[in-house]
Amino acid sequence: MKPNVKEFRHEKPLKEEISRLSEQGETKKDLYVMARDENLAKAIANQTNANQMDLKEDSLGSRAVNLFRNESKVIRHRFKELGFSQSEA
């Protein structure tokens, strides 16, 4: 099953959504935060009891390839790893 993904531009609505999902029974193992700013993603994940999806967290081979990718391509690669097609990522 493909994950449910939502895009947020500001912290407050993101935190509210994670809180709402938690209240509906979603557990930490199912909640992830991904952001271009790794420190921000980590802080939000810690504050909301969610996981951080690290853009650098990969196999050694993928990490080597990611050195030559721009940030957008790394993000698209992570979405493809989650099961999204090329056009969806």
N, C-alpha and C. Protein backbone atom coordinates (compact mmCIF):
# COMPACT_ATOMS: atom_id res chain seq x y z
N MET A 1 0.85 -1.18 0.00
CA MET A 1 0.00 0.00 0.00
C MET A 1 0.89 1.23 0.00
N LYS A 2 0.54 2.17 -0.87
CA LYS A 2 1.29 3.40 -1.00
C LYS A 2 0.98 4.32 0.17
N PRO A 3 2.01 4.99 0.70
CA PRO A 3 1.77 5.90 1.83
C PRO A 3 0.94 7.12 1.42
N ASN A 4 0.30 7.70 2.40
CA ASN A 4 -0.43 8.95 2.21
C ASN A 4 0.56 10.09 2.43
N VAL A 5 0.70 10.96 1.46
CA VAL A 5 1.69 12.04 1.54
C VAL A 5 0.98 13.37 1.42
N LYS A 6 1.38 14.31 2.27
CA LYS A 6 0.84 15.66 2.20
C LYS A 6 2.01 16.64 2.24
N GLU A 7 1.86 17.71 1.51
CA GLU A 7 2.90 18.75 1.49
C GLU A 7 2.47 19.91 2.36
N PHE A 8 3.41 20.40 3.15
CA PHE A 8 3.15 21.54 4.02
C PHE A 8 4.24 22.58 3.79
N ARG A 9 3.86 23.83 3.84
CA ARG A 9 4.83 24.90 3.67
C ARG A 9 5.19 25.56 5.00
N HIS A 10 4.40 25.26 6.03
CA HIS A 10 4.63 25.87 7.33
C HIS A 10 4.52 24.80 8.43
N GLU A 11 5.24 25.03 9.51
CA GLU A 11 5.29 24.05 10.60
C GLU A 11 3.96 23.84 11.29
N LYS A 12 3.24 24.91 11.58
CA LYS A 12 2.03 24.79 12.40
C LYS A 12 1.01 23.83 11.79
N PRO A 13 0.64 23.98 10.50
CA PRO A 13 -0.33 23.02 9.94
C PRO A 13 0.20 21.58 9.93
N LEU A 14 1.49 21.43 9.74
CA LEU A 14 2.09 20.09 9.76
C LEU A 14 1.94 19.46 11.14
N LYS A 15 2.30 20.20 12.16
CA LYS A 15 2.19 19.70 13.53
C LYS A 15 0.74 19.38 13.88
N GLU A 16 -0.18 20.22 13.43
CA GLU A 16 -1.61 19.98 13.70
C GLU A 16 -2.08 18.70 13.01
N GLU A 17 -1.61 18.46 11.78
CA GLU A 17 -2.00 17.26 11.04
C GLU A 17 -1.44 16.01 11.71
N ILE A 18 -0.20 16.06 12.15
CA ILE A 18 0.39 14.90 12.85
C ILE A 18 -0.39 14.63 14.14
N SER A 19 -0.76 15.68 14.84
CA SER A 19 -1.54 15.53 16.07
C SER A 19 -2.90 14.90 15.76
N ARG A 20 -3.54 15.36 14.71
CA ARG A 20 -4.85 14.82 14.31
C ARG A 20 -4.74 13.35 13.95
N LEU A 21 -3.72 13.01 13.18
CA LEU A 21 -3.53 11.61 12.79
C LEU A 21 -3.23 10.73 14.01
N SER A 22 -2.46 11.25 14.94
CA SER A 22 -2.16 10.51 16.17
C SER A 22 -3.42 10.25 16.96
N GLU A 23 -4.28 11.27 17.05
CA GLU A 23 -5.55 11.13 17.76
C GLU A 23 -6.46 10.11 17.10
N GLN A 24 -6.30 9.93 15.77
CA GLN A 24 -7.11 8.96 15.03
C GLN A 24 -6.51 7.55 15.09
N GLY A 25 -5.40 7.40 15.83
CA GLY A 25 -4.85 6.07 16.03
C GLY A 25 -3.59 5.75 15.23
N GLU A 26 -3.11 6.68 14.41
CA GLU A 26 -1.86 6.44 13.70
C GLU A 26 -0.73 6.40 14.71
N THR A 27 0.19 5.47 14.52
CA THR A 27 1.31 5.35 15.45
C THR A 27 2.57 5.95 14.85
N LYS A 28 3.55 6.14 15.71
CA LYS A 28 4.81 6.74 15.27
C LYS A 28 5.41 5.98 14.09
N LYS A 29 5.27 4.67 14.08
CA LYS A 29 5.88 3.88 13.00
C LYS A 29 5.29 4.22 11.63
N ASP A 30 4.12 4.88 11.62
CA ASP A 30 3.46 5.22 10.35
C ASP A 30 3.55 6.71 10.01
N LEU A 31 4.17 7.50 10.87
CA LEU A 31 4.23 8.95 10.65
C LEU A 31 5.67 9.38 10.39
N TYR A 32 5.89 10.03 9.26
CA TYR A 32 7.23 10.48 8.89
C TYR A 32 7.20 11.93 8.46
N VAL A 33 8.29 12.62 8.76
CA VAL A 33 8.48 14.01 8.35
C VAL A 33 9.72 14.04 7.46
N MET A 34 9.58 14.65 6.29
CA MET A 34 10.70 14.84 5.38
C MET A 34 10.75 16.32 5.02
N ALA A 35 11.93 16.91 5.11
CA ALA A 35 12.10 18.31 4.76
C ALA A 35 13.46 18.52 4.14
N ARG A 36 13.56 19.57 3.36
CA ARG A 36 14.87 19.89 2.77
C ARG A 36 15.87 20.24 3.86
N ASP A 37 15.40 20.82 4.93
CA ASP A 37 16.26 21.17 6.06
C ASP A 37 16.21 20.02 7.06
N GLU A 38 17.27 19.24 7.12
CA GLU A 38 17.31 18.05 7.97
C GLU A 38 17.11 18.40 9.45
N ASN A 39 17.66 19.52 9.89
CA ASN A 39 17.51 19.92 11.29
C ASN A 39 16.06 20.24 11.62
N LEU A 40 15.37 20.90 10.70
CA LEU A 40 13.96 21.22 10.89
C LEU A 40 13.14 19.93 10.95
N ALA A 41 13.40 19.01 10.03
CA ALA A 41 12.66 17.74 10.02
C ALA A 41 12.87 16.98 11.32
N LYS A 42 14.09 16.96 11.79
CA LYS A 42 14.40 16.27 13.04
C LYS A 42 13.68 16.91 14.22
N ALA A 43 13.70 18.25 14.27
CA ALA A 43 13.03 18.96 15.36
C ALA A 43 11.53 18.70 15.36
N ILE A 44 10.90 18.78 14.20
CA ILE A 44 9.46 18.56 14.11
C ILE A 44 9.13 17.11 14.47
N ALA A 45 9.91 16.17 13.98
CA ALA A 45 9.68 14.76 14.30
C ALA A 45 9.76 14.53 15.81
N ASN A 46 10.75 15.13 16.44
CA ASN A 46 10.90 14.98 17.89
C ASN A 46 9.75 15.63 18.65
N GLN A 47 9.29 16.78 18.19
CA GLN A 47 8.21 17.51 18.88
C GLN A 47 6.86 16.84 18.71
N THR A 48 6.68 16.08 17.64
CA THR A 48 5.36 15.54 17.32
C THR A 48 5.27 14.02 17.47
N ASN A 49 6.33 13.40 17.94
CA ASN A 49 6.36 11.94 18.07
C ASN A 49 6.15 11.26 16.71
N ALA A 50 6.88 11.75 15.71
CA ALA A 50 6.87 11.15 14.38
C ALA A 50 8.31 10.74 14.05
N ASN A 51 8.48 10.05 12.95
CA ASN A 51 9.81 9.68 12.48
C ASN A 51 10.31 10.72 11.49
N GLN A 52 11.60 10.83 11.40
CA GLN A 52 12.20 11.69 10.39
C GLN A 52 12.67 10.81 9.24
N MET A 53 12.30 11.16 8.04
CA MET A 53 12.84 10.46 6.88
C MET A 53 14.04 11.25 6.42
N ASP A 54 15.19 10.71 6.70
CA ASP A 54 16.45 11.38 6.39
C ASP A 54 16.72 11.24 4.90
N LEU A 55 16.96 12.37 4.23
CA LEU A 55 17.26 12.32 2.81
C LEU A 55 18.60 11.65 2.54
N LYS A 56 19.44 11.56 3.55
CA LYS A 56 20.76 10.96 3.38
C LYS A 56 20.78 9.50 3.84
N GLU A 57 19.69 9.04 4.44
CA GLU A 57 19.61 7.67 4.96
C GLU A 57 19.35 6.72 3.81
N ASP A 58 20.36 6.01 3.40
CA ASP A 58 20.29 5.16 2.22
C ASP A 58 21.34 4.07 2.30
N SER A 59 21.30 3.18 1.36
CA SER A 59 22.37 2.19 1.27
C SER A 59 23.65 2.89 0.81
N LEU A 60 24.76 2.25 1.01
CA LEU A 60 26.04 2.84 0.62
C LEU A 60 26.07 3.18 -0.87
N GLY A 61 25.55 2.29 -1.71
CA GLY A 61 25.52 2.55 -3.15
C GLY A 61 24.67 3.76 -3.50
N SER A 62 23.49 3.87 -2.88
CA SER A 62 22.62 5.01 -3.16
C SER A 62 23.24 6.30 -2.64
N ARG A 63 23.92 6.22 -1.50
CA ARG A 63 24.57 7.42 -0.96
C ARG A 63 25.62 7.93 -1.94
N ALA A 64 26.36 7.02 -2.54
CA ALA A 64 27.39 7.43 -3.51
C ALA A 64 26.74 8.10 -4.71
N VAL A 65 25.65 7.54 -5.22
CA VAL A 65 24.94 8.14 -6.35
C VAL A 65 24.35 9.49 -5.95
N ASN A 66 23.81 9.58 -4.71
CA ASN A 66 23.20 10.83 -4.25
C ASN A 66 24.19 11.98 -4.17
N LEU A 67 25.47 11.69 -4.05
CA LEU A 67 26.47 12.76 -4.03
C LEU A 67 26.43 13.56 -5.32
N PHE A 68 26.00 12.92 -6.40
CA PHE A 68 25.99 13.57 -7.71
C PHE A 68 24.60 14.04 -8.13
N ARG A 69 23.62 13.88 -7.28
CA ARG A 69 22.26 14.32 -7.56
C ARG A 69 22.00 15.65 -6.89
N ASN A 70 21.15 16.46 -7.51
CA ASN A 70 20.74 17.67 -6.81
C ASN A 70 19.65 17.30 -5.81
N GLU A 71 19.30 18.22 -4.94
CA GLU A 71 18.37 17.95 -3.84
C GLU A 71 17.01 17.43 -4.33
N SER A 72 16.49 18.01 -5.41
CA SER A 72 15.19 17.58 -5.94
C SER A 72 15.23 16.13 -6.39
N LYS A 73 16.32 15.73 -7.02
CA LYS A 73 16.44 14.35 -7.48
C LYS A 73 16.55 13.38 -6.30
N VAL A 74 17.22 13.79 -5.24
CA VAL A 74 17.32 12.94 -4.05
C VAL A 74 15.93 12.74 -3.45
N ILE A 75 15.15 13.83 -3.36
CA ILE A 75 13.79 13.73 -2.82
C ILE A 75 12.93 12.82 -3.69
N ARG A 76 13.01 12.99 -5.01
CA ARG A 76 12.25 12.11 -5.92
C ARG A 76 12.67 10.65 -5.73
N HIS A 77 13.96 10.41 -5.56
CA HIS A 77 14.46 9.05 -5.34
C HIS A 77 13.86 8.45 -4.07
N ARG A 78 13.79 9.23 -2.99
CA ARG A 78 13.21 8.75 -1.73
C ARG A 78 11.73 8.39 -1.91
N PHE A 79 10.99 9.21 -2.69
CA PHE A 79 9.58 8.90 -2.93
C PHE A 79 9.44 7.63 -3.76
N LYS A 80 10.31 7.42 -4.72
CA LYS A 80 10.27 6.19 -5.50
C LYS A 80 10.55 4.98 -4.61
N GLU A 81 11.43 5.13 -3.63
CA GLU A 81 11.69 4.04 -2.68
C GLU A 81 10.45 3.72 -1.85
N LEU A 82 9.59 4.71 -1.66
CA LEU A 82 8.35 4.49 -0.90
C LEU A 82 7.26 3.84 -1.75
N GLY A 83 7.50 3.67 -3.06
CA GLY A 83 6.54 2.99 -3.90
C GLY A 83 5.84 3.88 -4.91
N PHE A 84 6.24 5.12 -4.99
CA PHE A 84 5.62 6.02 -5.97
C PHE A 84 6.27 5.84 -7.33
N SER A 85 5.49 6.05 -8.39
CA SER A 85 6.03 5.94 -9.74
C SER A 85 6.88 7.17 -10.04
N GLN A 86 7.61 7.13 -11.14
CA GLN A 86 8.45 8.26 -11.55
C GLN A 86 7.62 9.53 -11.67
N SER A 87 6.44 9.44 -12.29
CA SER A 87 5.62 10.64 -12.49
C SER A 87 5.03 11.15 -11.16
N GLU A 88 4.73 10.25 -10.23
CA GLU A 88 4.20 10.66 -8.94
C GLU A 88 5.28 11.28 -8.05
N ALA A 89 6.50 10.77 -8.18
CA ALA A 89 7.59 11.25 -7.35
C ALA A 89 7.99 12.64 -7.79
